[in-house]
Amino acid sequence: MKRLLFLFAIIIAAKSLSAQFQVGVNGSFEIAVAKTGGVRTYLTGPGLDIFYILPQEKIVLGLGWQYRWMLAWPNNPTITSYNASFRLYPFTKKQIRPYLEMGVGYYTSKEVLTISNESTLTIKQDGIAVKPSLGVTFPNNLIKNTFIDLSTFYQFYSDSHPSGIGVNVAIRYILR
């Protein structure tokens, strides 16, 4: 709830400053490139982000939050991540705009194991992740000032969690 209030405060501040920001919601799906304990890890979940668009619209700076579940694992452990990103649009005057993005962030994972229906064991890991992406945005003609964002990424984790490849789908609204 605090995160939503913080995002709402940023949106209000952006509107009052007449700055050009994008806010969005996204969903991602990631597959680990290596197996852990003989099991391949799949991650999926929602996220929120906000981007500041620099005046010439070639460079965009962003902050994001994502919550994902590890599928194919007992108890579906979770990963929460916070990241900052730098996005470069080589072509600015096109309707369909490809981009390159580099993200760096902090993540934490949590797994709660129940042993013989009595005791529980909580395993927590945290670290740094680096996430290069390649994507494309295009206008959504159904709602004014919205865009669809499709990207593919490779995510490097700093601990024993295997790196992964994935796709991300987002809808973004430009505050003008």
N, C-alpha and C. Protein backbone atom coordinates (compact mmCIF):
# COMPACT_ATOMS: atom_id res chain seq x y z
N MET A 1 0.82 -1.19 0.00
CA MET A 1 0.00 0.00 0.00
C MET A 1 0.87 1.26 0.00
N LYS A 2 1.97 1.21 0.77
CA LYS A 2 2.86 2.36 0.82
C LYS A 2 3.46 2.64 -0.56
N ARG A 3 3.75 1.57 -1.30
CA ARG A 3 4.33 1.75 -2.64
C ARG A 3 3.34 2.45 -3.57
N LEU A 4 2.07 2.07 -3.47
CA LEU A 4 1.06 2.70 -4.31
C LEU A 4 0.88 4.17 -3.96
N LEU A 5 0.91 4.49 -2.67
CA LEU A 5 0.82 5.88 -2.25
C LEU A 5 2.03 6.68 -2.73
N PHE A 6 3.21 6.06 -2.66
CA PHE A 6 4.43 6.72 -3.14
C PHE A 6 4.33 6.98 -4.64
N LEU A 7 3.87 5.99 -5.41
CA LEU A 7 3.71 6.16 -6.86
C LEU A 7 2.68 7.24 -7.16
N PHE A 8 1.58 7.28 -6.41
CA PHE A 8 0.56 8.30 -6.60
C PHE A 8 1.13 9.70 -6.32
N ALA A 9 1.96 9.82 -5.28
CA ALA A 9 2.59 11.11 -4.95
C ALA A 9 3.52 11.56 -6.07
N ILE A 10 4.25 10.63 -6.67
CA ILE A 10 5.13 10.97 -7.78
C ILE A 10 4.32 11.44 -8.98
N ILE A 11 3.20 10.79 -9.24
CA ILE A 11 2.35 11.19 -10.37
C ILE A 11 1.81 12.60 -10.16
N ILE A 12 1.33 12.90 -8.96
CA ILE A 12 0.82 14.25 -8.66
C ILE A 12 1.92 15.29 -8.81
N ALA A 13 3.11 14.98 -8.30
CA ALA A 13 4.24 15.91 -8.42
C ALA A 13 4.61 16.13 -9.88
N ALA A 14 4.60 15.06 -10.68
CA ALA A 14 4.94 15.17 -12.09
C ALA A 14 3.94 16.05 -12.83
N LYS A 15 2.66 15.89 -12.53
CA LYS A 15 1.63 16.72 -13.17
C LYS A 15 1.80 18.18 -12.81
N SER A 16 2.13 18.45 -11.55
CA SER A 16 2.26 19.85 -11.13
C SER A 16 3.51 20.50 -11.70
N LEU A 17 4.55 19.72 -12.01
CA LEU A 17 5.78 20.27 -12.58
C LEU A 17 5.73 20.34 -14.11
N SER A 18 4.69 19.84 -14.72
CA SER A 18 4.55 19.75 -16.17
C SER A 18 5.69 18.98 -16.81
N ALA A 19 6.24 18.04 -16.11
CA ALA A 19 7.30 17.19 -16.65
C ALA A 19 6.66 16.07 -17.46
N GLN A 20 7.46 15.47 -18.32
CA GLN A 20 6.94 14.37 -19.12
C GLN A 20 7.37 13.05 -18.50
N PHE A 21 6.42 12.35 -17.91
CA PHE A 21 6.66 11.07 -17.26
C PHE A 21 5.79 10.00 -17.90
N GLN A 22 6.22 8.76 -17.77
CA GLN A 22 5.40 7.60 -18.13
C GLN A 22 5.23 6.77 -16.88
N VAL A 23 4.04 6.29 -16.65
CA VAL A 23 3.79 5.33 -15.58
C VAL A 23 3.23 4.08 -16.24
N GLY A 24 3.52 2.93 -15.65
CA GLY A 24 3.05 1.71 -16.29
C GLY A 24 2.90 0.55 -15.35
N VAL A 25 2.17 -0.43 -15.84
CA VAL A 25 2.04 -1.72 -15.18
C VAL A 25 2.56 -2.76 -16.17
N ASN A 26 3.17 -3.81 -15.63
CA ASN A 26 3.72 -4.81 -16.53
C ASN A 26 3.59 -6.19 -15.94
N GLY A 27 3.83 -7.15 -16.78
CA GLY A 27 3.88 -8.55 -16.38
C GLY A 27 5.05 -9.20 -17.08
N SER A 28 5.76 -10.08 -16.37
CA SER A 28 6.91 -10.72 -16.99
C SER A 28 6.87 -12.22 -16.77
N PHE A 29 7.60 -12.91 -17.63
CA PHE A 29 7.78 -14.35 -17.53
C PHE A 29 9.24 -14.62 -17.80
N GLU A 30 9.90 -15.34 -16.90
CA GLU A 30 11.34 -15.61 -17.01
C GLU A 30 11.60 -17.10 -16.83
N ILE A 31 12.56 -17.62 -17.60
CA ILE A 31 12.97 -19.02 -17.52
C ILE A 31 14.45 -19.04 -17.18
N ALA A 32 14.83 -19.79 -16.15
CA ALA A 32 16.24 -19.91 -15.77
C ALA A 32 17.01 -20.64 -16.86
N VAL A 33 18.23 -20.19 -17.14
CA VAL A 33 19.05 -20.84 -18.17
C VAL A 33 19.72 -22.10 -17.65
N ALA A 34 19.77 -22.29 -16.33
CA ALA A 34 20.35 -23.50 -15.74
C ALA A 34 19.37 -24.07 -14.72
N LYS A 35 19.44 -25.37 -14.51
CA LYS A 35 18.58 -26.02 -13.53
C LYS A 35 19.18 -25.90 -12.13
N THR A 36 18.31 -25.81 -11.12
CA THR A 36 18.72 -25.80 -9.72
C THR A 36 18.14 -27.05 -9.08
N GLY A 37 18.99 -27.90 -8.55
CA GLY A 37 18.51 -29.14 -7.94
C GLY A 37 17.75 -30.01 -8.92
N GLY A 38 18.11 -29.98 -10.18
CA GLY A 38 17.45 -30.78 -11.19
C GLY A 38 16.14 -30.21 -11.70
N VAL A 39 15.77 -29.00 -11.23
CA VAL A 39 14.50 -28.38 -11.62
C VAL A 39 14.78 -27.06 -12.32
N ARG A 40 14.12 -26.82 -13.44
CA ARG A 40 14.25 -25.53 -14.12
C ARG A 40 13.27 -24.55 -13.47
N THR A 41 13.76 -23.35 -13.17
CA THR A 41 12.95 -22.34 -12.48
C THR A 41 12.23 -21.45 -13.48
N TYR A 42 10.93 -21.22 -13.24
CA TYR A 42 10.13 -20.29 -14.02
C TYR A 42 9.65 -19.21 -13.07
N LEU A 43 9.72 -17.96 -13.49
CA LEU A 43 9.27 -16.84 -12.67
C LEU A 43 8.20 -16.07 -13.43
N THR A 44 7.17 -15.63 -12.74
CA THR A 44 6.16 -14.79 -13.37
C THR A 44 5.55 -13.87 -12.33
N GLY A 45 5.12 -12.69 -12.77
CA GLY A 45 4.48 -11.78 -11.84
C GLY A 45 4.32 -10.37 -12.39
N PRO A 46 3.61 -9.52 -11.62
CA PRO A 46 3.33 -8.14 -12.04
C PRO A 46 4.41 -7.17 -11.57
N GLY A 47 4.36 -5.97 -12.13
CA GLY A 47 5.28 -4.91 -11.73
C GLY A 47 4.70 -3.53 -12.00
N LEU A 48 5.31 -2.53 -11.39
CA LEU A 48 4.97 -1.12 -11.59
C LEU A 48 6.24 -0.38 -11.95
N ASP A 49 6.14 0.65 -12.77
CA ASP A 49 7.31 1.45 -13.07
C ASP A 49 6.93 2.88 -13.43
N ILE A 50 7.93 3.73 -13.35
CA ILE A 50 7.77 5.13 -13.73
C ILE A 50 9.03 5.54 -14.48
N PHE A 51 8.85 6.27 -15.57
CA PHE A 51 9.97 6.71 -16.40
C PHE A 51 9.93 8.22 -16.56
N TYR A 52 11.10 8.83 -16.55
CA TYR A 52 11.24 10.26 -16.86
C TYR A 52 11.79 10.35 -18.27
N ILE A 53 11.10 11.07 -19.15
CA ILE A 53 11.48 11.19 -20.54
C ILE A 53 12.26 12.50 -20.71
N LEU A 54 13.53 12.39 -21.11
CA LEU A 54 14.34 13.59 -21.34
C LEU A 54 13.81 14.34 -22.56
N PRO A 55 14.04 15.65 -22.65
CA PRO A 55 13.38 16.50 -23.66
C PRO A 55 13.44 16.01 -25.11
N GLN A 56 14.54 15.44 -25.57
CA GLN A 56 14.58 15.03 -26.98
C GLN A 56 14.02 13.64 -27.21
N GLU A 57 13.50 13.00 -26.16
CA GLU A 57 12.83 11.71 -26.21
C GLU A 57 13.70 10.56 -26.70
N LYS A 58 15.03 10.71 -26.66
CA LYS A 58 15.93 9.61 -27.02
C LYS A 58 16.35 8.82 -25.80
N ILE A 59 16.42 9.50 -24.65
CA ILE A 59 16.87 8.86 -23.41
C ILE A 59 15.75 8.92 -22.38
N VAL A 60 15.51 7.78 -21.74
CA VAL A 60 14.47 7.68 -20.73
C VAL A 60 15.08 7.01 -19.50
N LEU A 61 14.83 7.59 -18.33
CA LEU A 61 15.33 7.05 -17.07
C LEU A 61 14.16 6.49 -16.29
N GLY A 62 14.34 5.33 -15.66
CA GLY A 62 13.21 4.71 -14.99
C GLY A 62 13.51 4.10 -13.64
N LEU A 63 12.44 3.92 -12.87
CA LEU A 63 12.47 3.20 -11.60
C LEU A 63 11.36 2.17 -11.65
N GLY A 64 11.63 0.99 -11.11
CA GLY A 64 10.61 -0.05 -11.17
C GLY A 64 10.59 -0.94 -9.95
N TRP A 65 9.46 -1.63 -9.79
CA TRP A 65 9.24 -2.61 -8.74
C TRP A 65 8.58 -3.82 -9.38
N GLN A 66 9.01 -5.02 -8.99
CA GLN A 66 8.42 -6.23 -9.55
C GLN A 66 8.30 -7.29 -8.46
N TYR A 67 7.21 -8.04 -8.48
CA TYR A 67 6.95 -9.13 -7.55
C TYR A 67 6.70 -10.37 -8.39
N ARG A 68 7.52 -11.41 -8.19
CA ARG A 68 7.39 -12.61 -9.02
C ARG A 68 7.37 -13.88 -8.16
N TRP A 69 6.66 -14.88 -8.66
CA TRP A 69 6.59 -16.19 -8.02
C TRP A 69 7.47 -17.16 -8.80
N MET A 70 8.16 -18.05 -8.07
CA MET A 70 8.91 -19.12 -8.71
C MET A 70 7.96 -20.29 -8.88
N LEU A 71 7.66 -20.61 -10.11
CA LEU A 71 6.76 -21.73 -10.41
C LEU A 71 7.59 -23.01 -10.46
N ALA A 72 6.98 -24.15 -10.35
CA ALA A 72 7.61 -25.46 -10.39
C ALA A 72 8.48 -25.72 -9.16
N TRP A 73 8.30 -24.93 -8.10
CA TRP A 73 8.98 -25.16 -6.83
C TRP A 73 7.91 -25.37 -5.77
N PRO A 74 8.17 -26.19 -4.77
CA PRO A 74 7.20 -26.33 -3.68
C PRO A 74 7.01 -24.97 -2.99
N ASN A 75 5.83 -24.66 -2.58
CA ASN A 75 5.47 -23.43 -1.86
C ASN A 75 5.61 -22.16 -2.68
N ASN A 76 5.93 -22.23 -3.97
CA ASN A 76 6.08 -21.06 -4.84
C ASN A 76 6.79 -19.89 -4.16
N PRO A 77 8.12 -19.99 -3.94
CA PRO A 77 8.84 -18.87 -3.32
C PRO A 77 8.72 -17.61 -4.16
N THR A 78 9.00 -16.47 -3.56
CA THR A 78 8.81 -15.18 -4.24
C THR A 78 10.13 -14.43 -4.36
N ILE A 79 10.18 -13.55 -5.37
CA ILE A 79 11.30 -12.62 -5.55
C ILE A 79 10.69 -11.23 -5.70
N THR A 80 11.17 -10.29 -4.91
CA THR A 80 10.77 -8.89 -5.04
C THR A 80 11.99 -8.13 -5.50
N SER A 81 11.84 -7.29 -6.52
CA SER A 81 13.00 -6.55 -7.03
C SER A 81 12.65 -5.08 -7.23
N TYR A 82 13.68 -4.25 -7.05
CA TYR A 82 13.61 -2.80 -7.23
C TYR A 82 14.75 -2.45 -8.18
N ASN A 83 14.46 -1.69 -9.23
CA ASN A 83 15.53 -1.42 -10.19
C ASN A 83 15.48 0.00 -10.74
N ALA A 84 16.63 0.42 -11.24
CA ALA A 84 16.77 1.68 -11.97
C ALA A 84 17.22 1.31 -13.38
N SER A 85 16.72 2.03 -14.38
CA SER A 85 17.07 1.67 -15.75
C SER A 85 17.35 2.90 -16.60
N PHE A 86 18.11 2.64 -17.64
CA PHE A 86 18.48 3.64 -18.64
C PHE A 86 18.05 3.07 -19.98
N ARG A 87 17.22 3.81 -20.70
CA ARG A 87 16.67 3.34 -21.96
C ARG A 87 17.07 4.29 -23.07
N LEU A 88 17.50 3.75 -24.21
CA LEU A 88 17.91 4.55 -25.37
C LEU A 88 17.03 4.19 -26.56
N TYR A 89 16.37 5.22 -27.11
CA TYR A 89 15.56 5.08 -28.33
C TYR A 89 16.36 5.65 -29.49
N PRO A 90 16.87 4.83 -30.42
CA PRO A 90 17.64 5.37 -31.54
C PRO A 90 16.79 6.17 -32.54
N PHE A 91 15.49 5.83 -32.65
CA PHE A 91 14.60 6.50 -33.60
C PHE A 91 13.46 7.14 -32.81
N THR A 92 13.33 8.46 -32.88
CA THR A 92 12.32 9.13 -32.06
C THR A 92 11.07 9.54 -32.82
N LYS A 93 11.11 9.65 -34.11
CA LYS A 93 9.96 10.16 -34.87
C LYS A 93 9.08 9.07 -35.46
N LYS A 94 9.27 7.85 -35.05
CA LYS A 94 8.51 6.72 -35.58
C LYS A 94 7.36 6.37 -34.65
N GLN A 95 6.31 5.77 -35.20
CA GLN A 95 5.20 5.27 -34.38
C GLN A 95 5.65 4.04 -33.58
N ILE A 96 6.37 3.14 -34.24
CA ILE A 96 6.91 1.96 -33.58
C ILE A 96 8.36 2.26 -33.25
N ARG A 97 8.69 2.25 -31.94
CA ARG A 97 10.00 2.72 -31.50
C ARG A 97 10.78 1.60 -30.79
N PRO A 98 11.81 1.06 -31.46
CA PRO A 98 12.66 0.07 -30.78
C PRO A 98 13.57 0.77 -29.76
N TYR A 99 14.02 0.01 -28.76
CA TYR A 99 14.92 0.59 -27.76
C TYR A 99 15.86 -0.46 -27.19
N LEU A 100 16.94 0.03 -26.60
CA LEU A 100 17.88 -0.76 -25.81
C LEU A 100 17.78 -0.26 -24.39
N GLU A 101 17.83 -1.17 -23.42
CA GLU A 101 17.69 -0.76 -22.02
C GLU A 101 18.70 -1.52 -21.16
N MET A 102 19.23 -0.85 -20.15
CA MET A 102 20.10 -1.49 -19.17
C MET A 102 19.54 -1.17 -17.79
N GLY A 103 19.24 -2.21 -17.04
CA GLY A 103 18.70 -2.04 -15.69
C GLY A 103 19.62 -2.66 -14.65
N VAL A 104 19.68 -2.03 -13.49
CA VAL A 104 20.45 -2.53 -12.35
C VAL A 104 19.56 -2.41 -11.13
N GLY A 105 19.55 -3.43 -10.29
CA GLY A 105 18.67 -3.34 -9.14
C GLY A 105 19.02 -4.28 -8.01
N TYR A 106 18.21 -4.19 -6.98
CA TYR A 106 18.33 -5.00 -5.77
C TYR A 106 17.15 -5.95 -5.74
N TYR A 107 17.38 -7.18 -5.35
CA TYR A 107 16.26 -8.12 -5.23
C TYR A 107 16.40 -8.90 -3.93
N THR A 108 15.29 -9.43 -3.48
CA THR A 108 15.26 -10.31 -2.32
C THR A 108 14.31 -11.45 -2.62
N SER A 109 14.72 -12.66 -2.25
CA SER A 109 13.85 -13.82 -2.46
C SER A 109 13.55 -14.45 -1.11
N LYS A 110 12.39 -15.06 -1.01
CA LYS A 110 11.94 -15.64 0.25
C LYS A 110 11.20 -16.94 -0.04
N GLU A 111 11.56 -17.97 0.72
CA GLU A 111 10.90 -19.26 0.59
C GLU A 111 10.61 -19.78 1.99
N VAL A 112 9.37 -20.19 2.22
CA VAL A 112 8.97 -20.75 3.51
C VAL A 112 8.70 -22.23 3.32
N LEU A 113 9.47 -23.07 4.02
CA LEU A 113 9.32 -24.51 3.93
C LEU A 113 8.66 -25.04 5.20
N THR A 114 7.68 -25.90 5.04
CA THR A 114 7.03 -26.55 6.18
C THR A 114 7.56 -27.97 6.28
N ILE A 115 8.05 -28.32 7.47
CA ILE A 115 8.63 -29.63 7.69
C ILE A 115 7.71 -30.42 8.60
N SER A 116 7.20 -31.52 8.12
CA SER A 116 6.30 -32.43 8.84
C SER A 116 5.15 -31.71 9.55
N ASN A 117 4.53 -30.76 8.87
CA ASN A 117 3.34 -30.03 9.33
C ASN A 117 3.50 -29.31 10.67
N GLU A 118 4.71 -29.18 11.19
CA GLU A 118 4.88 -28.52 12.48
C GLU A 118 5.83 -27.33 12.41
N SER A 119 7.05 -27.57 12.05
CA SER A 119 8.01 -26.48 12.06
C SER A 119 8.18 -25.91 10.65
N THR A 120 8.61 -24.66 10.59
CA THR A 120 8.83 -24.01 9.30
C THR A 120 10.26 -23.48 9.25
N LEU A 121 10.76 -23.37 8.05
CA LEU A 121 12.09 -22.84 7.80
C LEU A 121 11.95 -21.78 6.73
N THR A 122 12.44 -20.57 7.01
CA THR A 122 12.38 -19.48 6.05
C THR A 122 13.78 -19.26 5.48
N ILE A 123 13.89 -19.32 4.16
CA ILE A 123 15.15 -19.10 3.47
C ILE A 123 15.05 -17.77 2.73
N LYS A 124 15.98 -16.86 3.02
CA LYS A 124 15.99 -15.55 2.36
C LYS A 124 17.33 -15.36 1.66
N GLN A 125 17.28 -14.77 0.48
CA GLN A 125 18.48 -14.40 -0.27
C GLN A 125 18.25 -13.00 -0.82
N ASP A 126 19.31 -12.23 -0.90
CA ASP A 126 19.20 -10.94 -1.57
C ASP A 126 20.49 -10.65 -2.29
N GLY A 127 20.42 -9.75 -3.23
CA GLY A 127 21.61 -9.42 -4.01
C GLY A 127 21.31 -8.40 -5.08
N ILE A 128 22.24 -8.27 -5.99
CA ILE A 128 22.18 -7.31 -7.09
C ILE A 128 21.87 -8.07 -8.38
N ALA A 129 21.06 -7.47 -9.22
CA ALA A 129 20.74 -8.05 -10.53
C ALA A 129 21.02 -7.02 -11.61
N VAL A 130 21.48 -7.49 -12.76
CA VAL A 130 21.72 -6.64 -13.93
C VAL A 130 20.84 -7.21 -15.04
N LYS A 131 20.13 -6.31 -15.75
CA LYS A 131 19.12 -6.77 -16.71
C LYS A 131 19.18 -5.96 -18.01
N PRO A 132 19.96 -6.40 -19.01
CA PRO A 132 19.89 -5.77 -20.33
C PRO A 132 18.63 -6.22 -21.07
N SER A 133 18.00 -5.30 -21.79
CA SER A 133 16.76 -5.60 -22.51
C SER A 133 16.79 -5.02 -23.92
N LEU A 134 16.00 -5.62 -24.77
CA LEU A 134 15.76 -5.13 -26.12
C LEU A 134 14.25 -5.14 -26.30
N GLY A 135 13.67 -3.99 -26.69
CA GLY A 135 12.22 -3.93 -26.78
C GLY A 135 11.72 -2.98 -27.83
N VAL A 136 10.40 -2.85 -27.87
CA VAL A 136 9.74 -1.97 -28.81
C VAL A 136 8.48 -1.42 -28.15
N THR A 137 8.19 -0.14 -28.40
CA THR A 137 6.93 0.45 -27.94
C THR A 137 6.14 0.92 -29.14
N PHE A 138 4.83 0.85 -29.03
CA PHE A 138 3.97 1.35 -30.09
C PHE A 138 2.69 1.88 -29.46
N PRO A 139 2.04 2.85 -30.12
CA PRO A 139 0.86 3.48 -29.52
C PRO A 139 -0.32 2.52 -29.41
N ASN A 140 -1.09 2.71 -28.36
CA ASN A 140 -2.35 2.00 -28.16
C ASN A 140 -3.44 2.97 -28.63
N ASN A 141 -4.07 2.68 -29.73
CA ASN A 141 -5.05 3.60 -30.31
C ASN A 141 -6.40 3.59 -29.59
N LEU A 142 -6.58 2.69 -28.63
CA LEU A 142 -7.85 2.64 -27.91
C LEU A 142 -7.93 3.69 -26.79
N ILE A 143 -6.79 4.00 -26.17
CA ILE A 143 -6.76 4.96 -25.07
C ILE A 143 -5.69 6.00 -25.36
N LYS A 144 -6.07 7.27 -25.32
CA LYS A 144 -5.16 8.37 -25.63
C LYS A 144 -3.97 8.37 -24.66
N ASN A 145 -2.78 8.67 -25.17
CA ASN A 145 -1.52 8.77 -24.42
C ASN A 145 -1.05 7.46 -23.81
N THR A 146 -1.51 6.32 -24.31
CA THR A 146 -1.01 5.05 -23.80
C THR A 146 -0.20 4.33 -24.87
N PHE A 147 0.73 3.52 -24.41
CA PHE A 147 1.60 2.76 -25.29
C PHE A 147 1.71 1.33 -24.79
N ILE A 148 1.91 0.42 -25.73
CA ILE A 148 2.20 -0.97 -25.41
C ILE A 148 3.71 -1.13 -25.52
N ASP A 149 4.30 -1.82 -24.57
CA ASP A 149 5.75 -2.03 -24.52
C ASP A 149 6.02 -3.52 -24.44
N LEU A 150 6.73 -4.06 -25.42
CA LEU A 150 7.10 -5.48 -25.46
C LEU A 150 8.62 -5.56 -25.42
N SER A 151 9.16 -6.41 -24.56
CA SER A 151 10.62 -6.52 -24.51
C SER A 151 11.04 -7.95 -24.15
N THR A 152 12.27 -8.24 -24.46
CA THR A 152 12.91 -9.48 -24.06
C THR A 152 14.15 -9.10 -23.26
N PHE A 153 14.52 -9.94 -22.29
CA PHE A 153 15.63 -9.56 -21.42
C PHE A 153 16.45 -10.78 -21.01
N TYR A 154 17.64 -10.50 -20.52
CA TYR A 154 18.51 -11.50 -19.88
C TYR A 154 18.84 -10.94 -18.52
N GLN A 155 18.58 -11.69 -17.46
CA GLN A 155 18.79 -11.18 -16.10
C GLN A 155 19.92 -11.95 -15.41
N PHE A 156 20.96 -11.22 -14.97
CA PHE A 156 22.08 -11.80 -14.23
C PHE A 156 21.84 -11.56 -12.74
N TYR A 157 21.94 -12.60 -11.92
CA TYR A 157 21.79 -12.47 -10.47
C TYR A 157 23.15 -12.63 -9.81
N SER A 158 23.38 -11.93 -8.68
CA SER A 158 24.68 -11.95 -8.03
C SER A 158 24.91 -13.13 -7.10
N ASP A 159 23.91 -13.93 -6.82
CA ASP A 159 24.12 -15.06 -5.90
C ASP A 159 23.94 -16.38 -6.65
N SER A 160 23.57 -17.42 -5.95
CA SER A 160 23.46 -18.75 -6.54
C SER A 160 22.22 -18.92 -7.42
N HIS A 161 21.31 -17.95 -7.43
CA HIS A 161 20.11 -18.04 -8.29
C HIS A 161 20.55 -18.00 -9.75
N PRO A 162 20.10 -18.94 -10.60
CA PRO A 162 20.56 -18.95 -11.99
C PRO A 162 20.00 -17.77 -12.79
N SER A 163 20.82 -17.27 -13.70
CA SER A 163 20.38 -16.20 -14.59
C SER A 163 19.22 -16.69 -15.44
N GLY A 164 18.45 -15.74 -16.00
CA GLY A 164 17.29 -16.15 -16.78
C GLY A 164 17.05 -15.27 -17.98
N ILE A 165 16.30 -15.81 -18.93
CA ILE A 165 15.84 -15.05 -20.09
C ILE A 165 14.33 -14.91 -19.96
N GLY A 166 13.80 -13.82 -20.50
CA GLY A 166 12.36 -13.64 -20.34
C GLY A 166 11.76 -12.62 -21.27
N VAL A 167 10.45 -12.46 -21.12
CA VAL A 167 9.69 -11.47 -21.88
C VAL A 167 8.90 -10.62 -20.88
N ASN A 168 8.66 -9.39 -21.28
CA ASN A 168 7.93 -8.44 -20.46
C ASN A 168 6.90 -7.74 -21.35
N VAL A 169 5.68 -7.61 -20.87
CA VAL A 169 4.63 -6.89 -21.58
C VAL A 169 4.11 -5.81 -20.64
N ALA A 170 4.01 -4.59 -21.15
CA ALA A 170 3.58 -3.48 -20.29
C ALA A 170 2.63 -2.56 -21.05
N ILE A 171 1.81 -1.86 -20.29
CA ILE A 171 1.03 -0.76 -20.84
C ILE A 171 1.45 0.47 -20.05
N ARG A 172 1.76 1.54 -20.78
CA ARG A 172 2.29 2.76 -20.17
C ARG A 172 1.43 3.96 -20.56
N TYR A 173 1.29 4.85 -19.62
CA TYR A 173 0.53 6.08 -19.83
C TYR A 173 1.49 7.26 -19.71
N ILE A 174 1.47 8.16 -20.68
CA ILE A 174 2.34 9.34 -20.65
C ILE A 174 1.58 10.49 -20.01
N LEU A 175 2.18 11.05 -18.96
CA LEU A 175 1.62 12.22 -18.29
C LEU A 175 2.16 13.45 -19.01
N ARG A 176 1.29 14.21 -19.61
CA ARG A 176 1.74 15.42 -20.34
C ARG A 176 1.17 16.64 -19.68
